[in-house]
Amino acid sequence: MSGTELPAGPSSSPLEQTRRFTYDIVEFMEDCHKSYGDCFTIRLSGMPPMVLVSDPALARRIISNHELFEASAANKETMVGEALGRSFLMVLGGKEHGKLRPVLQKIQKDSAADPAVRELIRDLTIRRIESFPLNEPFKLRYEMQTLSLEIMTHIALGPDPIVPRQLLINAVHHMVDTTQFGGKATMLPNAPAFLAAREEVYKIYDEEIARRRRDGRCGRNDMLSILIDPASANEGELGYLSTAWLRDQMLAMTVAGYDTTATTLSWTMFHLLRQPELSTRLLEECHRVAETADHGSGDKANESELIASIVEAERLHPVTPLINRMTTEMTEIEVEGQGKWMLPKGVMVCPALHLLHRHSDWGEQTDKFIPQRILDLKKAGGNNKRRQMNQMPFYAWGAGARSCPGQHFAGPEITIIIATLLSHANLQLMRREEKTQRRAFALVPEKGAEVVFTGRRAVG
């Protein structure tokens, strides 16, 4: 090895690789992995070279070393920064990221710990069930999008936004839909249709921001009121926040939060309905969770087959395909048995979650939905139930200082919604197979996890 070099990768044109990365990213990554191993290079139009990694040891090094592998610079190269704004947490670095992250994290943790919020999640889920069409096929993913977006707007804006909540929900749905063409993602966040749709969402946020500036916090605990109150936002460290900055946070909270949650809900329900014996076995636990709106914690959570099922769905179907990092200087990487490479500065180095989550470290049949594997891993951790899981290549929520701050809310939210769906609704799956498709920022069920609702389930 001399000078700088990149791992091998496909020789097709950047345009063709971009097409495959956009429209069939899972199959593209799997084909590259079969041909080139746990470390390979792809080249996309208008992007730096991207080295995709599915070796667990190298992935851990990349994710944990923020000095050599920087996150904000990498995310700015993707469509995320362009779509959700330059003040989005994922594209911030240094002190900006360090100040904002604990504020957002605290808002999410406080919301998850509030019994009234957990009851709201359950009650909104029951209301959504009551709106399901009877004995007619429908896409569960769309219903989960609407439900999770309604929940996120409560967290972001509180119970009484000045603009009707449904208007915001419709505007966000429309904005995300503009990233699709012919049912597939386009990855064009600067397209006129997307920009026009995003402007409509911005107008709604602008009205809310102006209202909060005028009225003050008034005892509110929603995200916007906390951020706009300089005394409460990380003890004033964030200072005065511009309208543009605030609406970036609102957009990120609602769009990133609702679409990722809806995707996990859809895949989890797909697999649970695909295994009726498992979903039936979970009913007692689901009834308890739905009745109390208590998602469980500590030993109870570690022994929960319901939570194990959700984690297994997250393993099998990570919402996002990659964790983006960029080299800050010339850096050597190595995959045992494959080789060493000296990467130049400015190369994207991305742990590939779909491949890592199906690595042989997870045992046998890694392409199958087997919740027992999660329970076995927690059991193997002995007194520290999380230890064994923490050693696995599992990055559904990212990792470390750059992990998703919303996980503290989304985890309990997903558990309560799944428990309420299973305990209150009789649902039948329309098809036993679902391919993965990119939709905006998420890897979703291609057919939307289509189901039939045959009536309310007797509770108690």
Protein backbone atom coordinates (compact mmCIF):
# COMPACT_ATOMS: atom_id res chain seq x y z
CA MET A 1 0.00 0.00 0.00
CA SER A 2 1.44 3.37 -1.01
CA GLY A 3 0.01 6.88 -1.29
CA THR A 4 -3.76 7.02 -1.12
CA GLU A 5 -6.21 4.47 -2.44
CA LEU A 6 -9.81 3.37 -2.12
CA PRO A 7 -11.31 -0.10 -1.75
CA ALA A 8 -12.55 -1.75 -4.93
CA GLY A 9 -16.08 -1.16 -6.12
CA PRO A 10 -18.39 -1.29 -9.14
CA SER A 11 -16.97 0.04 -12.42
CA SER A 12 -20.28 1.31 -13.77
CA SER A 13 -20.73 5.03 -14.36
CA PRO A 14 -21.55 7.41 -11.47
CA LEU A 15 -24.90 8.03 -13.15
CA GLU A 16 -25.78 4.32 -13.13
CA GLN A 17 -24.57 3.90 -9.55
CA THR A 18 -26.68 6.90 -8.52
CA ARG A 19 -29.72 5.34 -10.19
CA ARG A 20 -29.25 2.08 -8.29
CA PHE A 21 -28.44 3.85 -5.01
CA THR A 22 -31.63 5.88 -5.36
CA TYR A 23 -34.09 3.28 -6.58
CA ASP A 24 -32.86 -0.10 -5.28
CA ILE A 25 -30.25 0.67 -2.64
CA VAL A 26 -30.67 -2.60 -0.70
CA GLU A 27 -30.08 -4.81 -3.73
CA PHE A 28 -27.22 -2.51 -4.83
CA MET A 29 -25.45 -2.83 -1.46
CA GLU A 30 -25.99 -6.60 -1.36
CA ASP A 31 -24.58 -7.02 -4.89
CA CYS A 32 -21.51 -4.93 -4.00
CA HIS A 33 -21.01 -6.85 -0.77
CA LYS A 34 -21.05 -10.18 -2.62
CA SER A 35 -18.55 -8.91 -5.17
CA TYR A 36 -16.17 -6.81 -3.07
CA GLY A 37 -16.55 -7.85 0.58
CA ASP A 38 -17.03 -5.86 3.78
CA CYS A 39 -15.52 -2.63 2.42
CA PHE A 40 -16.21 -1.23 -1.05
CA THR A 41 -16.35 2.11 -2.85
CA ILE A 42 -19.26 3.55 -4.77
CA ARG A 43 -19.30 6.76 -6.79
CA LEU A 44 -22.42 8.87 -7.06
CA SER A 45 -22.98 11.87 -9.30
CA GLY A 46 -21.98 15.14 -7.63
CA MET A 47 -20.73 13.42 -4.44
CA PRO A 48 -17.30 12.56 -3.01
CA PRO A 49 -16.36 8.87 -3.22
CA MET A 50 -18.31 6.79 -0.68
CA VAL A 51 -16.65 3.86 1.09
CA LEU A 52 -19.37 1.58 2.48
CA VAL A 53 -18.42 -0.58 5.46
CA SER A 54 -20.06 -3.74 6.82
CA ASP A 55 -17.20 -4.98 8.99
CA PRO A 56 -18.32 -4.57 12.64
CA ALA A 57 -14.88 -3.69 14.05
CA LEU A 58 -14.23 -1.00 11.43
CA ALA A 59 -17.78 0.34 11.77
CA ARG A 60 -17.29 0.78 15.54
CA ARG A 61 -14.04 2.65 14.93
CA ILE A 62 -15.65 4.98 12.39
CA ILE A 63 -18.66 5.76 14.57
CA SER A 64 -16.65 6.35 17.76
CA ASN A 65 -13.77 8.44 16.34
CA HIS A 66 -15.25 11.87 15.64
CA GLU A 67 -11.89 13.49 15.02
CA LEU A 68 -10.98 11.31 12.04
CA PHE A 69 -14.51 10.57 10.81
CA GLU A 70 -16.67 13.69 11.03
CA ALA A 71 -20.47 13.56 10.88
CA SER A 72 -21.66 17.09 10.13
CA ALA A 73 -19.49 17.53 7.03
CA ALA A 74 -20.69 14.18 5.69
CA ASN A 75 -24.36 14.94 6.28
CA LYS A 76 -24.01 18.30 4.51
CA GLU A 77 -23.03 16.33 1.40
CA THR A 78 -26.30 14.40 1.45
CA MET A 79 -29.85 15.46 0.66
CA VAL A 80 -30.65 15.64 4.38
CA GLY A 81 -29.07 19.04 4.93
CA GLU A 82 -30.63 20.50 1.81
CA ALA A 83 -34.06 19.13 2.61
CA LEU A 84 -34.34 19.80 6.34
CA GLY A 85 -32.27 22.94 6.63
CA ARG A 86 -28.72 23.91 7.55
CA SER A 87 -29.63 24.19 11.24
CA PHE A 88 -30.79 20.56 11.42
CA LEU A 89 -28.96 18.80 14.27
CA MET A 90 -27.44 16.19 11.94
CA VAL A 91 -25.56 18.80 9.92
CA LEU A 92 -24.35 20.82 12.90
CA GLY A 93 -20.91 20.24 14.39
CA GLY A 94 -18.75 21.36 17.27
CA LYS A 95 -20.22 23.76 19.83
CA GLU A 96 -23.47 24.27 17.89
CA HIS A 97 -24.21 20.55 18.03
CA GLY A 98 -23.05 20.32 21.63
CA LYS A 99 -25.43 23.07 22.77
CA LEU A 100 -28.51 21.97 20.85
CA ARG A 101 -28.38 18.20 21.35
CA PRO A 102 -28.96 18.14 25.15
CA VAL A 103 -31.90 20.54 24.78
CA LEU A 104 -33.64 18.34 22.20
CA GLN A 105 -32.77 15.22 24.17
CA LYS A 106 -34.26 16.62 27.37
CA ILE A 107 -37.49 17.60 25.59
CA GLN A 108 -37.83 14.05 24.26
CA LYS A 109 -37.01 12.40 27.59
CA ASP A 110 -39.40 14.63 29.53
CA SER A 111 -42.18 13.89 27.04
CA ALA A 112 -41.63 10.13 27.30
CA ALA A 113 -41.68 10.32 31.10
CA ASP A 114 -44.96 12.25 31.22
CA PRO A 115 -47.91 9.87 31.88
CA ALA A 116 -50.28 12.32 30.13
CA VAL A 117 -48.18 12.12 26.94
CA ARG A 118 -48.10 8.32 27.05
CA GLU A 119 -51.87 8.24 27.50
CA LEU A 120 -52.20 10.65 24.58
CA ILE A 121 -50.21 8.24 22.38
CA ARG A 122 -52.53 5.39 23.33
CA ASP A 123 -55.71 7.44 22.89
CA LEU A 124 -54.66 8.79 19.50
CA THR A 125 -53.87 5.22 18.41
CA ILE A 126 -57.34 4.05 19.46
CA ARG A 127 -58.87 6.98 17.58
CA ARG A 128 -56.85 6.01 14.49
CA ILE A 129 -58.08 2.40 14.80
CA GLU A 130 -61.66 3.67 14.89
CA SER A 131 -61.06 5.37 11.53
CA PHE A 132 -59.77 2.20 9.80
CA PRO A 133 -62.01 1.10 6.89
CA LEU A 134 -63.84 -2.13 7.76
CA ASN A 135 -63.14 -5.24 5.65
CA GLU A 136 -61.29 -3.22 3.01
CA PRO A 137 -57.54 -3.37 2.26
CA PHE A 138 -55.53 -0.30 3.25
CA LYS A 139 -51.87 0.59 3.65
CA LEU A 140 -50.96 0.44 7.31
CA ARG A 141 -47.86 2.54 6.66
CA TYR A 142 -49.95 5.55 5.62
CA GLU A 143 -52.08 5.23 8.75
CA MET A 144 -48.94 5.00 10.89
CA GLN A 145 -47.51 8.08 9.18
CA THR A 146 -50.63 10.06 9.97
CA LEU A 147 -50.71 8.81 13.56
CA SER A 148 -47.02 9.46 14.28
CA LEU A 149 -47.20 12.87 12.60
CA GLU A 150 -50.17 13.81 14.79
CA ILE A 151 -48.21 12.74 17.87
CA MET A 152 -45.09 14.64 16.78
CA THR A 153 -47.08 17.84 16.22
CA HIS A 154 -48.35 17.57 19.80
CA ILE A 155 -44.77 17.30 21.07
CA ALA A 156 -43.51 20.07 18.80
CA LEU A 157 -46.41 22.54 19.01
CA GLY A 158 -48.56 21.52 21.95
CA PRO A 159 -52.30 20.79 22.13
CA ASP A 160 -53.62 23.99 20.53
CA PRO A 161 -51.60 25.20 17.51
CA ILE A 162 -52.93 28.37 15.88
CA VAL A 163 -53.18 26.61 12.51
CA PRO A 164 -55.45 23.53 12.37
CA ARG A 165 -53.33 20.45 13.05
CA GLN A 166 -54.73 18.59 10.05
CA LEU A 167 -53.56 21.39 7.77
CA LEU A 168 -49.98 20.88 8.96
CA ILE A 169 -50.30 17.09 8.65
CA ASN A 170 -51.53 17.42 5.07
CA ALA A 171 -48.77 19.90 4.21
CA VAL A 172 -46.03 17.63 5.57
CA HIS A 173 -47.49 14.58 3.77
CA HIS A 174 -47.51 16.56 0.52
CA MET A 175 -43.93 17.77 1.00
CA VAL A 176 -42.59 14.25 1.53
CA ASP A 177 -44.64 12.95 -1.41
CA THR A 178 -42.85 15.40 -3.73
CA THR A 179 -39.62 13.43 -3.18
CA GLN A 180 -41.25 10.56 -5.07
CA PHE A 181 -41.64 10.04 -8.81
CA GLY A 182 -43.45 7.02 -10.13
CA GLY A 183 -43.60 5.66 -6.59
CA LYS A 184 -39.82 5.84 -6.11
CA ALA A 185 -37.52 8.27 -4.35
CA THR A 186 -35.87 10.94 -6.48
CA MET A 187 -33.36 12.40 -3.98
CA LEU A 188 -33.95 15.88 -5.40
CA PRO A 189 -34.51 18.17 -2.39
CA ASN A 190 -33.99 21.26 -4.55
CA ALA A 191 -36.69 20.32 -7.05
CA PRO A 192 -39.27 23.10 -7.51
CA ALA A 193 -42.16 20.91 -6.31
CA PHE A 194 -40.36 20.06 -3.08
CA LEU A 195 -39.29 23.65 -2.40
CA ALA A 196 -42.83 24.94 -2.99
CA ALA A 197 -44.30 22.28 -0.67
CA ARG A 198 -41.70 23.00 2.00
CA GLU A 199 -42.54 26.70 1.82
CA GLU A 200 -46.16 25.90 2.73
CA VAL A 201 -44.93 24.01 5.80
CA TYR A 202 -42.65 26.93 6.68
CA LYS A 203 -45.60 29.35 6.54
CA ILE A 204 -47.44 27.29 9.16
CA TYR A 205 -44.40 27.22 11.43
CA ASP A 206 -43.85 30.96 10.94
CA GLU A 207 -47.37 31.66 12.23
CA GLU A 208 -46.75 29.50 15.29
CA ILE A 209 -43.37 31.10 15.97
CA ALA A 210 -44.84 34.61 15.74
CA ARG A 211 -47.59 33.61 18.18
CA ARG A 212 -45.14 32.20 20.74
CA ARG A 213 -42.93 35.30 20.51
CA ARG A 214 -46.02 37.44 21.15
CA ASP A 215 -47.63 35.37 23.91
CA GLY A 216 -44.59 33.95 25.68
CA ARG A 217 -44.26 30.45 27.07
CA CYS A 218 -47.35 30.66 29.32
CA GLY A 219 -46.54 27.39 31.06
CA ARG A 220 -46.29 25.43 27.82
CA ASN A 221 -43.92 22.46 27.60
CA ASP A 222 -43.97 21.82 23.86
CA MET A 223 -40.69 21.94 21.93
CA LEU A 224 -41.29 25.30 20.23
CA SER A 225 -42.22 27.07 23.47
CA ILE A 226 -39.14 25.70 25.23
CA LEU A 227 -36.78 26.66 22.41
CA ILE A 228 -38.22 30.14 22.08
CA ASP A 229 -37.87 30.80 25.82
CA PRO A 230 -34.20 31.81 26.34
CA ALA A 231 -34.39 31.00 30.04
CA SER A 232 -35.37 27.37 29.45
CA ALA A 233 -33.31 26.44 26.38
CA ASN A 234 -30.25 24.87 28.01
CA GLU A 235 -30.21 27.62 30.66
CA GLY A 236 -30.02 30.30 28.02
CA GLU A 237 -26.93 28.97 26.21
CA LEU A 238 -28.75 28.88 22.87
CA GLY A 239 -29.57 32.60 23.16
CA TYR A 240 -31.89 34.34 20.71
CA LEU A 241 -33.00 32.04 17.90
CA SER A 242 -34.04 33.30 14.48
CA THR A 243 -37.31 32.29 12.87
CA ALA A 244 -35.39 30.41 10.15
CA TRP A 245 -33.43 28.47 12.80
CA LEU A 246 -36.57 27.61 14.77
CA ARG A 247 -38.52 26.38 11.78
CA ASP A 248 -35.56 24.15 10.81
CA GLN A 249 -35.91 22.46 14.20
CA MET A 250 -39.68 22.13 13.81
CA LEU A 251 -39.31 20.68 10.32
CA ALA A 252 -36.68 18.20 11.46
CA MET A 253 -38.72 17.20 14.51
CA THR A 254 -41.90 16.52 12.58
CA VAL A 255 -40.52 15.11 9.31
CA ALA A 256 -37.59 13.04 10.55
CA GLY A 257 -39.50 12.00 13.67
CA TYR A 258 -42.72 10.93 12.04
CA ASP A 259 -41.35 9.12 8.99
CA THR A 260 -38.79 7.05 10.88
CA THR A 261 -41.33 6.08 13.55
CA ALA A 262 -43.97 5.17 10.97
CA THR A 263 -41.48 2.98 9.13
CA THR A 264 -40.52 1.02 12.25
CA LEU A 265 -44.20 0.63 13.17
CA SER A 266 -45.03 -0.67 9.70
CA TRP A 267 -42.22 -3.21 9.54
CA THR A 268 -42.87 -4.43 13.11
CA MET A 269 -46.58 -4.92 12.48
CA PHE A 270 -45.83 -6.63 9.16
CA HIS A 271 -43.68 -9.26 10.88
CA LEU A 272 -45.98 -9.72 13.88
CA LEU A 273 -49.03 -10.22 11.66
CA ARG A 274 -46.97 -12.59 9.52
CA GLN A 275 -46.53 -14.77 12.63
CA PRO A 276 -50.03 -15.07 14.19
CA GLU A 277 -48.79 -17.41 16.92
CA LEU A 278 -46.33 -14.75 18.08
CA SER A 279 -48.82 -11.89 18.01
CA THR A 280 -51.32 -14.05 19.92
CA ARG A 281 -48.68 -14.88 22.53
CA LEU A 282 -48.01 -11.15 22.96
CA LEU A 283 -51.64 -10.24 23.66
CA GLU A 284 -51.43 -10.41 27.46
CA GLU A 285 -48.40 -8.11 27.53
CA CYS A 286 -50.00 -5.81 24.95
CA HIS A 287 -53.20 -5.50 26.98
CA ARG A 288 -51.16 -4.47 30.03
CA VAL A 289 -49.10 -1.90 28.12
CA ALA A 290 -52.16 -0.45 26.37
CA GLU A 291 -54.21 -0.27 29.55
CA THR A 292 -51.52 1.44 31.62
CA ALA A 293 -49.79 3.34 28.78
CA ASP A 294 -46.58 2.12 30.46
CA HIS A 295 -43.97 0.88 28.01
CA GLY A 296 -41.90 -0.88 30.68
CA SER A 297 -38.37 -0.25 31.83
CA GLY A 298 -35.47 -1.98 33.61
CA ASP A 299 -35.70 -5.76 33.97
CA LYS A 300 -39.29 -5.68 32.73
CA ALA A 301 -38.15 -4.22 29.39
CA ASN A 302 -35.21 -6.63 29.12
CA GLU A 303 -37.55 -9.61 29.49
CA SER A 304 -40.27 -8.21 27.23
CA GLU A 305 -40.99 -10.27 24.12
CA LEU A 306 -42.90 -7.28 22.71
CA ILE A 307 -39.85 -5.00 22.98
CA ALA A 308 -37.62 -7.80 21.65
CA SER A 309 -39.91 -8.02 18.61
CA ILE A 310 -39.59 -4.29 17.97
CA VAL A 311 -35.79 -4.40 18.31
CA GLU A 312 -35.63 -7.39 15.96
CA ALA A 313 -37.68 -5.46 13.38
CA GLU A 314 -35.29 -2.51 13.79
CA ARG A 315 -32.36 -4.87 13.23
CA LEU A 316 -33.87 -6.43 10.14
CA HIS A 317 -35.13 -3.13 8.71
CA PRO A 318 -32.99 -0.15 9.78
CA VAL A 319 -34.88 2.97 8.75
CA THR A 320 -31.90 4.67 7.12
CA PRO A 321 -29.38 2.84 4.93
CA LEU A 322 -26.15 4.49 6.11
CA ILE A 323 -24.41 6.38 8.89
CA ASN A 324 -22.57 9.18 7.11
CA ARG A 325 -19.03 10.16 8.07
CA MET A 326 -16.21 11.98 6.24
CA THR A 327 -12.46 11.68 6.69
CA THR A 328 -10.89 14.85 8.13
CA GLU A 329 -7.33 13.86 7.14
CA MET A 330 -5.47 11.05 5.40
CA THR A 331 -6.63 7.97 7.32
CA GLU A 332 -5.79 4.27 7.23
CA ILE A 333 -8.59 1.74 7.50
CA GLU A 334 -8.40 -2.05 7.61
CA VAL A 335 -10.71 -5.03 7.26
CA GLU A 336 -9.11 -8.22 8.49
CA GLY A 337 -8.76 -10.72 5.66
CA GLN A 338 -9.63 -8.16 3.00
CA GLY A 339 -6.98 -5.44 3.12
CA LYS A 340 -5.76 -2.01 4.21
CA TRP A 341 -6.34 1.31 2.50
CA MET A 342 -5.04 4.83 3.04
CA LEU A 343 -8.01 7.10 2.45
CA PRO A 344 -7.49 10.74 1.47
CA LYS A 345 -9.18 13.61 3.27
CA GLY A 346 -12.77 14.32 2.21
CA VAL A 347 -13.90 10.77 1.48
CA MET A 348 -17.30 9.62 2.72
CA VAL A 349 -16.94 6.54 4.96
CA CYS A 350 -20.33 5.05 5.77
CA PRO A 351 -21.26 2.05 7.93
CA ALA A 352 -23.94 0.26 5.90
CA LEU A 353 -26.70 -0.60 8.38
CA HIS A 354 -28.60 -3.11 6.25
CA LEU A 355 -25.43 -5.19 5.88
CA LEU A 356 -24.17 -4.73 9.45
CA HIS A 357 -27.55 -5.71 10.91
CA ARG A 358 -27.40 -8.98 8.94
CA HIS A 359 -23.77 -9.76 9.71
CA SER A 360 -22.90 -13.26 10.89
CA ASP A 361 -22.19 -11.82 14.36
CA TRP A 362 -25.97 -11.96 14.82
CA GLY A 363 -25.96 -15.76 14.52
CA GLU A 364 -27.87 -17.91 12.07
CA GLN A 365 -30.63 -16.87 9.67
CA THR A 366 -29.84 -13.19 9.98
CA ASP A 367 -32.32 -12.43 7.19
CA LYS A 368 -35.18 -13.86 9.30
CA PHE A 369 -37.37 -12.20 11.95
CA ILE A 370 -36.55 -14.07 15.16
CA PRO A 371 -37.23 -11.97 18.31
CA GLN A 372 -35.83 -14.75 20.50
CA ARG A 373 -32.32 -13.82 19.33
CA ILE A 374 -32.71 -10.45 21.10
CA LEU A 375 -33.95 -12.08 24.31
CA ASP A 376 -31.04 -14.55 24.17
CA LEU A 377 -28.52 -11.72 23.76
CA LYS A 378 -29.94 -9.86 26.74
CA LYS A 379 -29.91 -13.05 28.79
CA ALA A 380 -26.25 -13.63 27.82
CA GLY A 381 -25.42 -10.19 29.25
CA GLY A 382 -25.83 -11.57 32.79
CA ASN A 383 -26.39 -8.85 35.38
CA ASN A 384 -25.83 -6.17 32.75
CA LYS A 385 -28.63 -7.00 30.34
CA ARG A 386 -27.54 -4.34 27.84
CA ARG A 387 -23.88 -5.37 27.73
CA GLN A 388 -24.25 -8.17 25.19
CA MET A 389 -26.53 -6.09 22.95
CA ASN A 390 -24.10 -3.17 23.11
CA GLN A 391 -21.39 -5.41 21.67
CA MET A 392 -23.48 -6.16 18.59
CA PRO A 393 -23.35 -4.17 15.34
CA PHE A 394 -26.73 -2.53 16.01
CA TYR A 395 -27.17 1.08 14.91
CA ALA A 396 -30.90 1.57 14.41
CA TRP A 397 -30.59 4.84 16.38
CA GLY A 398 -27.00 5.63 15.46
CA ALA A 399 -24.48 5.54 18.28
CA GLY A 400 -22.72 7.70 20.84
CA ALA A 401 -22.75 11.49 20.70
CA ARG A 402 -24.30 11.48 17.21
CA SER A 403 -27.12 9.06 17.96
CA CYS A 404 -30.72 10.13 17.39
CA PRO A 405 -31.91 12.32 20.31
CA GLY A 406 -35.46 11.27 19.50
CA GLN A 407 -34.88 7.64 20.49
CA HIS A 408 -35.79 8.43 24.10
CA PHE A 409 -39.30 9.32 22.98
CA ALA A 410 -39.70 7.11 19.91
CA GLY A 411 -38.88 3.88 21.77
CA PRO A 412 -41.74 4.18 24.30
CA GLU A 413 -44.01 5.67 21.61
CA ILE A 414 -43.52 2.69 19.28
CA THR A 415 -44.05 0.18 22.11
CA ILE A 416 -47.33 1.79 23.21
CA ILE A 417 -48.64 2.05 19.63
CA ILE A 418 -47.81 -1.57 18.75
CA ALA A 419 -49.36 -2.81 22.01
CA THR A 420 -52.54 -0.77 21.38
CA LEU A 421 -52.85 -1.95 17.77
CA LEU A 422 -52.48 -5.61 18.68
CA SER A 423 -54.80 -5.44 21.70
CA HIS A 424 -57.56 -3.31 20.12
CA ALA A 425 -57.63 -4.22 16.41
CA ASN A 426 -58.14 -7.43 14.46
CA LEU A 427 -55.82 -7.00 11.46
CA GLN A 428 -55.01 -9.45 8.69
CA LEU A 429 -51.99 -9.13 6.45
CA MET A 430 -52.75 -8.95 2.72
CA ARG A 431 -49.40 -10.34 1.51
CA ARG A 432 -46.64 -12.29 3.22
CA GLU A 433 -43.76 -10.72 1.29
CA GLU A 434 -42.64 -7.08 1.19
CA LYS A 435 -39.67 -5.64 -0.66
CA THR A 436 -37.79 -2.65 0.72
CA GLN A 437 -38.17 0.67 -1.08
CA ARG A 438 -36.61 4.07 -0.41
CA ARG A 439 -39.13 6.78 0.37
CA ALA A 440 -37.59 10.18 1.08
CA PHE A 441 -35.22 9.43 3.99
CA ALA A 442 -36.55 6.00 4.95
CA LEU A 443 -36.42 2.38 3.75
CA VAL A 444 -40.08 1.38 3.79
CA PRO A 445 -42.30 -1.59 2.85
CA GLU A 446 -42.83 -1.24 -0.90
CA LYS A 447 -46.55 -2.12 -0.75
CA GLY A 448 -47.13 -0.17 2.47
CA ALA A 449 -47.74 -3.23 4.71
CA GLU A 450 -51.26 -3.62 3.35
CA VAL A 451 -53.80 -5.05 5.83
CA VAL A 452 -57.53 -5.62 6.31
CA PHE A 453 -59.27 -4.47 9.50
CA THR A 454 -61.99 -6.93 10.48
CA GLY A 455 -63.18 -5.20 13.64
CA ARG A 456 -62.27 -4.17 17.17
CA ARG A 457 -60.78 -6.79 19.43
CA ALA A 458 -62.53 -7.36 22.75
CA VAL A 459 -60.35 -5.88 25.49
CA GLY A 460 -60.20 -7.40 28.95
